[in-house]
């Protein structure tokens, strides 16, 4: 993956209304791997003052999509399925970082492993996503 391709993916992510509204951004993108981050805001926390499961899952989902896109340039990537486990609740968390790693690029389905950490390096969640790859879109 070239530097230009990584920059294109990073710029593309910044144009997504959902990601922009939630402050989800690319930290680092290399071929088959994406690190995605978010600065937590009060609206990202649940009633117990821990990161809401939905925002943890969202950051993981974006990391998997960008990782898959990094090996399928120009394709449309959407989530086809996932298995996701929450491991730790972190009321002290100020930031989240999700690391997605393609483990099988496939032609129409890519399998991506993901792990989510907080800024204290607590391992908050892990999962595996199946991403649909559409090159005709």
N, C-alpha and C. Protein backbone atom coordinates (compact mmCIF):
# COMPACT_ATOMS: atom_id res chain seq x y z
N UNK A 1 0.85 -1.18 0.00
CA UNK A 1 0.00 0.00 0.00
C UNK A 1 0.89 1.23 0.00
N UNK A 2 0.57 2.14 -0.89
CA UNK A 2 1.35 3.37 -0.98
C UNK A 2 0.88 4.38 0.06
N UNK A 3 1.72 5.37 0.28
CA UNK A 3 1.37 6.45 1.19
C UNK A 3 0.12 7.18 0.69
N UNK A 4 0.01 7.34 -0.62
CA UNK A 4 -1.14 8.01 -1.22
C UNK A 4 -2.43 7.23 -0.97
N UNK A 5 -2.37 5.90 -1.08
CA UNK A 5 -3.55 5.07 -0.81
C UNK A 5 -3.98 5.19 0.65
N UNK A 6 -3.02 5.20 1.57
CA UNK A 6 -3.33 5.35 3.00
C UNK A 6 -3.96 6.71 3.26
N UNK A 7 -3.43 7.75 2.63
CA UNK A 7 -3.99 9.09 2.80
C UNK A 7 -5.40 9.18 2.23
N UNK A 8 -5.64 8.50 1.12
CA UNK A 8 -6.97 8.49 0.50
C UNK A 8 -7.99 7.83 1.43
N UNK A 9 -7.61 6.71 2.05
CA UNK A 9 -8.51 6.05 3.00
C UNK A 9 -8.78 6.93 4.21
N UNK A 10 -7.76 7.60 4.71
CA UNK A 10 -7.91 8.50 5.85
C UNK A 10 -8.85 9.66 5.50
N UNK A 11 -8.67 10.22 4.32
CA UNK A 11 -9.52 11.33 3.88
C UNK A 11 -10.96 10.85 3.67
N UNK A 12 -11.11 9.69 3.08
CA UNK A 12 -12.44 9.10 2.86
C UNK A 12 -13.18 8.94 4.18
N UNK A 13 -12.48 8.46 5.19
CA UNK A 13 -13.10 8.26 6.51
C UNK A 13 -13.57 9.59 7.09
N UNK A 14 -12.82 10.65 6.87
CA UNK A 14 -13.19 11.97 7.42
C UNK A 14 -14.46 12.52 6.76
N UNK A 15 -14.84 12.01 5.59
CA UNK A 15 -16.05 12.47 4.91
C UNK A 15 -17.30 11.70 5.31
N UNK A 16 -17.17 10.63 6.07
CA UNK A 16 -18.32 9.84 6.49
C UNK A 16 -19.08 10.61 7.58
N UNK A 17 -20.36 10.92 7.35
CA UNK A 17 -21.12 11.71 8.34
C UNK A 17 -21.16 11.06 9.73
N UNK A 18 -21.37 9.75 9.80
CA UNK A 18 -21.45 9.08 11.10
C UNK A 18 -20.11 9.18 11.84
N UNK A 19 -19.03 8.86 11.14
CA UNK A 19 -17.72 8.90 11.77
C UNK A 19 -17.35 10.31 12.20
N UNK A 20 -17.62 11.28 11.33
CA UNK A 20 -17.32 12.68 11.67
C UNK A 20 -18.12 13.15 12.88
N UNK A 21 -19.39 12.83 12.91
CA UNK A 21 -20.25 13.26 14.03
C UNK A 21 -19.78 12.68 15.35
N UNK A 22 -19.21 11.48 15.32
CA UNK A 22 -18.75 10.83 16.55
C UNK A 22 -17.28 11.04 16.84
N UNK A 23 -16.56 11.71 15.94
CA UNK A 23 -15.14 11.96 16.17
C UNK A 23 -14.27 10.75 15.90
N UNK A 24 -14.75 9.80 15.11
CA UNK A 24 -13.97 8.61 14.77
C UNK A 24 -13.01 8.98 13.65
N UNK A 25 -11.73 8.67 13.83
CA UNK A 25 -10.73 9.05 12.84
C UNK A 25 -9.66 7.97 12.69
N UNK A 26 -9.01 7.99 11.54
CA UNK A 26 -7.92 7.06 11.28
C UNK A 26 -6.66 7.54 11.99
N UNK A 27 -6.00 6.64 12.67
CA UNK A 27 -4.72 6.95 13.32
C UNK A 27 -3.56 6.48 12.45
N UNK A 28 -3.72 5.26 11.88
CA UNK A 28 -2.67 4.69 11.03
C UNK A 28 -3.29 3.62 10.16
N UNK A 29 -2.95 3.66 8.87
CA UNK A 29 -3.45 2.66 7.94
C UNK A 29 -2.26 2.12 7.14
N UNK A 30 -2.11 0.80 7.15
CA UNK A 30 -1.13 0.12 6.31
C UNK A 30 -1.88 -1.01 5.62
N UNK A 31 -1.23 -1.68 4.69
CA UNK A 31 -1.93 -2.73 3.96
C UNK A 31 -2.41 -3.84 4.89
N UNK A 32 -3.73 -4.02 4.93
CA UNK A 32 -4.34 -5.07 5.73
C UNK A 32 -4.51 -4.73 7.20
N UNK A 33 -4.18 -3.51 7.58
CA UNK A 33 -4.24 -3.13 9.01
C UNK A 33 -4.70 -1.68 9.15
N UNK A 34 -5.56 -1.44 10.13
CA UNK A 34 -6.03 -0.07 10.40
C UNK A 34 -6.15 0.15 11.89
N UNK A 35 -5.65 1.28 12.33
CA UNK A 35 -5.84 1.73 13.71
C UNK A 35 -6.77 2.94 13.65
N UNK A 36 -7.86 2.84 14.39
CA UNK A 36 -8.89 3.87 14.39
C UNK A 36 -9.05 4.37 15.82
N UNK A 37 -9.22 5.67 15.99
CA UNK A 37 -9.32 6.23 17.34
C UNK A 37 -10.51 7.16 17.50
N UNK A 38 -10.80 7.41 18.77
CA UNK A 38 -11.86 8.35 19.13
C UNK A 38 -11.53 8.95 20.49
N UNK A 39 -11.74 10.26 20.60
CA UNK A 39 -11.67 10.95 21.89
C UNK A 39 -13.08 10.84 22.47
N UNK A 40 -13.19 10.24 23.65
CA UNK A 40 -14.52 10.04 24.24
C UNK A 40 -15.10 11.36 24.75
N UNK A 41 -16.37 11.55 24.45
CA UNK A 41 -17.12 12.71 24.93
C UNK A 41 -18.21 12.19 25.88
N UNK A 42 -18.82 13.06 26.66
CA UNK A 42 -19.86 12.60 27.59
C UNK A 42 -20.97 11.80 26.92
N UNK A 43 -21.34 12.16 25.68
CA UNK A 43 -22.42 11.45 25.00
C UNK A 43 -22.00 10.05 24.52
N UNK A 44 -20.71 9.71 24.63
CA UNK A 44 -20.24 8.37 24.30
C UNK A 44 -20.30 7.42 25.49
N UNK A 45 -20.67 7.94 26.65
CA UNK A 45 -20.70 7.12 27.87
C UNK A 45 -22.14 6.71 28.20
N UNK A 46 -22.24 5.59 28.89
CA UNK A 46 -23.58 5.14 29.30
C UNK A 46 -23.90 5.67 30.71
N UNK A 47 -24.98 5.21 31.26
CA UNK A 47 -25.46 5.68 32.56
C UNK A 47 -24.46 5.39 33.69
N UNK A 48 -23.58 4.39 33.50
CA UNK A 48 -22.58 4.02 34.51
C UNK A 48 -21.23 4.69 34.25
N UNK A 49 -21.23 5.66 33.32
CA UNK A 49 -20.05 6.44 32.99
C UNK A 49 -18.92 5.61 32.37
N UNK A 50 -19.28 4.56 31.65
CA UNK A 50 -18.30 3.79 30.89
C UNK A 50 -18.62 3.94 29.41
N UNK A 51 -17.63 3.75 28.54
CA UNK A 51 -17.92 3.87 27.11
C UNK A 51 -19.08 2.95 26.71
N UNK A 52 -20.06 3.52 26.05
CA UNK A 52 -21.24 2.76 25.61
C UNK A 52 -20.79 1.67 24.65
N UNK A 53 -21.39 0.50 24.78
CA UNK A 53 -21.05 -0.62 23.91
C UNK A 53 -21.20 -0.28 22.44
N UNK A 54 -22.15 0.57 22.12
CA UNK A 54 -22.36 0.95 20.73
C UNK A 54 -21.20 1.71 20.14
N UNK A 55 -20.56 2.57 20.93
CA UNK A 55 -19.43 3.33 20.40
C UNK A 55 -18.19 2.45 20.33
N UNK A 56 -18.05 1.53 21.29
CA UNK A 56 -16.93 0.58 21.24
C UNK A 56 -17.05 -0.27 19.97
N UNK A 57 -18.26 -0.77 19.71
CA UNK A 57 -18.50 -1.58 18.52
C UNK A 57 -18.29 -0.76 17.25
N UNK A 58 -18.75 0.49 17.25
CA UNK A 58 -18.59 1.33 16.07
C UNK A 58 -17.13 1.53 15.70
N UNK A 59 -16.29 1.80 16.68
CA UNK A 59 -14.87 2.00 16.41
C UNK A 59 -14.26 0.71 15.86
N UNK A 60 -14.66 -0.42 16.42
CA UNK A 60 -14.18 -1.72 15.93
C UNK A 60 -14.63 -1.96 14.49
N UNK A 61 -15.88 -1.67 14.21
CA UNK A 61 -16.44 -1.87 12.88
C UNK A 61 -15.71 -1.02 11.84
N UNK A 62 -15.44 0.22 12.17
CA UNK A 62 -14.71 1.11 11.25
C UNK A 62 -13.30 0.58 11.02
N UNK A 63 -12.63 0.13 12.07
CA UNK A 63 -11.27 -0.42 11.92
C UNK A 63 -11.28 -1.60 10.96
N UNK A 64 -12.29 -2.45 11.06
CA UNK A 64 -12.37 -3.61 10.17
C UNK A 64 -12.67 -3.19 8.74
N UNK A 65 -13.56 -2.24 8.57
CA UNK A 65 -13.88 -1.76 7.23
C UNK A 65 -12.69 -1.12 6.54
N UNK A 66 -11.96 -0.29 7.26
CA UNK A 66 -10.80 0.38 6.68
C UNK A 66 -9.69 -0.63 6.39
N UNK A 67 -9.48 -1.59 7.30
CA UNK A 67 -8.47 -2.62 7.06
C UNK A 67 -8.81 -3.42 5.80
N UNK A 68 -10.08 -3.80 5.65
CA UNK A 68 -10.50 -4.54 4.46
C UNK A 68 -10.34 -3.69 3.21
N UNK A 69 -10.71 -2.42 3.31
CA UNK A 69 -10.58 -1.52 2.17
C UNK A 69 -9.12 -1.36 1.74
N UNK A 70 -8.21 -1.46 2.69
CA UNK A 70 -6.80 -1.27 2.37
C UNK A 70 -6.24 -2.37 1.47
N UNK A 71 -6.92 -3.52 1.39
CA UNK A 71 -6.49 -4.60 0.50
C UNK A 71 -7.43 -4.76 -0.69
N UNK A 72 -8.50 -3.98 -0.72
CA UNK A 72 -9.48 -4.03 -1.81
C UNK A 72 -9.75 -2.60 -2.29
N UNK A 73 -8.74 -1.95 -2.80
CA UNK A 73 -8.85 -0.54 -3.19
C UNK A 73 -9.99 -0.32 -4.18
N UNK A 74 -10.82 0.66 -3.86
CA UNK A 74 -11.92 1.03 -4.74
C UNK A 74 -13.19 0.23 -4.55
N UNK A 75 -13.15 -0.80 -3.74
CA UNK A 75 -14.34 -1.62 -3.49
C UNK A 75 -15.23 -0.95 -2.46
N UNK A 76 -16.48 -1.34 -2.44
CA UNK A 76 -17.38 -0.92 -1.37
C UNK A 76 -17.37 -2.02 -0.33
N UNK A 77 -17.08 -1.65 0.89
CA UNK A 77 -16.96 -2.61 2.00
C UNK A 77 -18.07 -2.33 2.99
N UNK A 78 -18.84 -3.36 3.32
CA UNK A 78 -19.86 -3.26 4.37
C UNK A 78 -19.78 -4.49 5.26
N UNK A 79 -20.24 -4.35 6.48
CA UNK A 79 -20.22 -5.45 7.43
C UNK A 79 -21.30 -6.47 7.08
N UNK A 80 -20.88 -7.72 6.94
CA UNK A 80 -21.83 -8.81 6.68
C UNK A 80 -22.18 -9.54 7.97
N UNK A 81 -21.27 -9.55 8.94
CA UNK A 81 -21.52 -10.22 10.21
C UNK A 81 -20.36 -10.01 11.15
N UNK A 82 -20.59 -10.35 12.40
CA UNK A 82 -19.51 -10.20 13.38
C UNK A 82 -19.76 -11.07 14.60
N UNK A 83 -18.69 -11.35 15.28
CA UNK A 83 -18.72 -11.95 16.61
C UNK A 83 -17.89 -11.02 17.47
N UNK A 84 -18.49 -10.47 18.52
CA UNK A 84 -17.83 -9.41 19.27
C UNK A 84 -18.01 -9.66 20.76
N UNK A 85 -16.92 -9.56 21.51
CA UNK A 85 -16.96 -9.79 22.94
C UNK A 85 -16.39 -8.60 23.70
N UNK A 86 -17.16 -8.13 24.68
CA UNK A 86 -16.70 -7.07 25.57
C UNK A 86 -15.95 -7.72 26.71
N UNK A 87 -14.75 -7.21 27.01
CA UNK A 87 -13.87 -7.83 27.99
C UNK A 87 -13.72 -7.04 29.28
N UNK A 88 -13.83 -5.71 29.18
CA UNK A 88 -13.50 -4.87 30.33
C UNK A 88 -14.24 -3.55 30.23
N UNK A 89 -14.74 -3.07 31.35
CA UNK A 89 -15.40 -1.76 31.42
C UNK A 89 -14.42 -0.77 32.02
N UNK A 90 -14.30 0.41 31.40
CA UNK A 90 -13.28 1.37 31.81
C UNK A 90 -13.86 2.77 32.03
N UNK A 91 -14.29 3.09 33.26
CA UNK A 91 -14.82 4.43 33.51
C UNK A 91 -13.75 5.53 33.38
N UNK A 92 -12.47 5.18 33.47
CA UNK A 92 -11.40 6.17 33.37
C UNK A 92 -11.01 6.47 31.94
N UNK A 93 -11.53 5.73 30.99
CA UNK A 93 -11.12 5.88 29.59
C UNK A 93 -11.41 7.28 29.07
N UNK A 94 -10.45 7.84 28.36
CA UNK A 94 -10.60 9.14 27.70
C UNK A 94 -10.56 8.98 26.18
N UNK A 95 -9.91 7.91 25.72
CA UNK A 95 -9.79 7.62 24.29
C UNK A 95 -9.92 6.12 24.06
N UNK A 96 -10.37 5.77 22.86
CA UNK A 96 -10.41 4.38 22.42
C UNK A 96 -9.56 4.25 21.17
N UNK A 97 -8.97 3.06 21.01
CA UNK A 97 -8.19 2.73 19.82
C UNK A 97 -8.54 1.32 19.40
N UNK A 98 -9.01 1.17 18.17
CA UNK A 98 -9.33 -0.15 17.63
C UNK A 98 -8.30 -0.51 16.58
N UNK A 99 -7.82 -1.74 16.63
CA UNK A 99 -6.84 -2.23 15.66
C UNK A 99 -7.47 -3.38 14.90
N UNK A 100 -7.69 -3.16 13.60
CA UNK A 100 -8.24 -4.19 12.74
C UNK A 100 -7.15 -4.77 11.86
N UNK A 101 -7.11 -6.11 11.77
CA UNK A 101 -6.09 -6.79 10.97
C UNK A 101 -6.78 -7.82 10.08
N UNK A 102 -6.63 -7.68 8.77
CA UNK A 102 -7.22 -8.64 7.84
C UNK A 102 -6.52 -9.98 8.02
N UNK A 103 -7.31 -11.04 8.24
CA UNK A 103 -6.71 -12.37 8.36
C UNK A 103 -7.02 -13.23 7.14
N UNK A 104 -8.03 -12.85 6.35
CA UNK A 104 -8.32 -13.50 5.07
C UNK A 104 -8.96 -12.47 4.17
N UNK A 105 -8.25 -12.00 3.13
CA UNK A 105 -8.81 -10.95 2.29
C UNK A 105 -9.99 -11.40 1.44
N UNK A 106 -10.00 -12.62 0.94
CA UNK A 106 -11.11 -13.12 0.13
C UNK A 106 -11.41 -12.24 -1.07
N UNK A 107 -12.30 -12.73 -1.95
CA UNK A 107 -12.71 -11.96 -3.13
C UNK A 107 -13.99 -11.20 -2.87
N UNK A 108 -14.94 -11.84 -2.18
CA UNK A 108 -16.21 -11.18 -1.87
C UNK A 108 -16.44 -11.05 -0.37
N UNK A 109 -15.71 -11.81 0.43
CA UNK A 109 -15.79 -11.71 1.89
C UNK A 109 -14.39 -11.63 2.47
N UNK A 110 -14.16 -10.63 3.30
CA UNK A 110 -12.88 -10.48 4.00
C UNK A 110 -13.12 -10.73 5.48
N UNK A 111 -12.22 -11.46 6.11
CA UNK A 111 -12.32 -11.73 7.55
C UNK A 111 -11.27 -10.86 8.25
N UNK A 112 -11.74 -10.11 9.26
CA UNK A 112 -10.87 -9.16 9.95
C UNK A 112 -10.96 -9.37 11.46
N UNK A 113 -9.82 -9.50 12.11
CA UNK A 113 -9.72 -9.59 13.57
C UNK A 113 -9.59 -8.17 14.12
N UNK A 114 -10.25 -7.88 15.24
CA UNK A 114 -10.17 -6.54 15.81
C UNK A 114 -10.03 -6.60 17.33
N UNK A 115 -9.26 -5.67 17.86
CA UNK A 115 -9.12 -5.50 19.30
C UNK A 115 -9.27 -4.02 19.62
N UNK A 116 -9.96 -3.73 20.73
CA UNK A 116 -10.20 -2.35 21.14
C UNK A 116 -9.55 -2.12 22.51
N UNK A 117 -8.81 -1.01 22.62
CA UNK A 117 -8.11 -0.64 23.84
C UNK A 117 -8.50 0.77 24.25
N UNK A 118 -8.36 1.06 25.54
CA UNK A 118 -8.52 2.45 25.97
C UNK A 118 -7.14 3.09 26.06
N UNK A 119 -7.09 4.34 26.46
CA UNK A 119 -5.82 5.06 26.54
C UNK A 119 -4.94 4.59 27.69
N UNK A 120 -5.46 3.73 28.56
CA UNK A 120 -4.67 3.14 29.65
C UNK A 120 -4.17 1.75 29.25
N UNK A 121 -4.41 1.37 27.97
CA UNK A 121 -4.05 0.08 27.39
C UNK A 121 -4.85 -1.10 27.98
N UNK A 122 -6.01 -0.80 28.57
CA UNK A 122 -6.92 -1.88 28.95
C UNK A 122 -7.52 -2.47 27.68
N UNK A 123 -7.57 -3.78 27.60
CA UNK A 123 -8.15 -4.47 26.45
C UNK A 123 -9.66 -4.54 26.69
N UNK A 124 -10.42 -3.70 25.98
CA UNK A 124 -11.86 -3.57 26.24
C UNK A 124 -12.71 -4.57 25.49
N UNK A 125 -12.30 -4.93 24.27
CA UNK A 125 -13.15 -5.80 23.45
C UNK A 125 -12.30 -6.48 22.38
N UNK A 126 -12.83 -7.59 21.88
CA UNK A 126 -12.19 -8.32 20.78
C UNK A 126 -13.27 -8.90 19.90
N UNK A 127 -12.94 -9.11 18.65
CA UNK A 127 -13.95 -9.66 17.76
C UNK A 127 -13.39 -10.03 16.41
N UNK A 128 -14.29 -10.61 15.63
CA UNK A 128 -13.97 -10.97 14.26
C UNK A 128 -15.13 -10.53 13.39
N UNK A 129 -14.83 -9.79 12.34
CA UNK A 129 -15.85 -9.26 11.44
C UNK A 129 -15.72 -9.90 10.08
N UNK A 130 -16.84 -10.16 9.46
CA UNK A 130 -16.90 -10.59 8.07
C UNK A 130 -17.36 -9.38 7.27
N UNK A 131 -16.51 -8.94 6.36
CA UNK A 131 -16.80 -7.75 5.57
C UNK A 131 -17.13 -8.16 4.14
N UNK A 132 -18.25 -7.65 3.61
CA UNK A 132 -18.62 -7.93 2.22
C UNK A 132 -17.87 -6.96 1.31
N UNK A 133 -17.27 -7.51 0.28
CA UNK A 133 -16.48 -6.73 -0.68
C UNK A 133 -17.25 -6.69 -2.00
N UNK A 134 -17.65 -5.50 -2.41
CA UNK A 134 -18.37 -5.34 -3.67
C UNK A 134 -17.56 -4.46 -4.60
N UNK A 135 -17.01 -5.06 -5.63
CA UNK A 135 -16.18 -4.31 -6.59
C UNK A 135 -17.01 -3.73 -7.71
N UNK A 136 -18.30 -4.12 -7.78
CA UNK A 136 -19.19 -3.64 -8.85
C UNK A 136 -19.96 -2.39 -8.44
N UNK A 137 -19.83 -1.97 -7.20
CA UNK A 137 -20.63 -0.84 -6.71
C UNK A 137 -20.12 0.47 -7.23
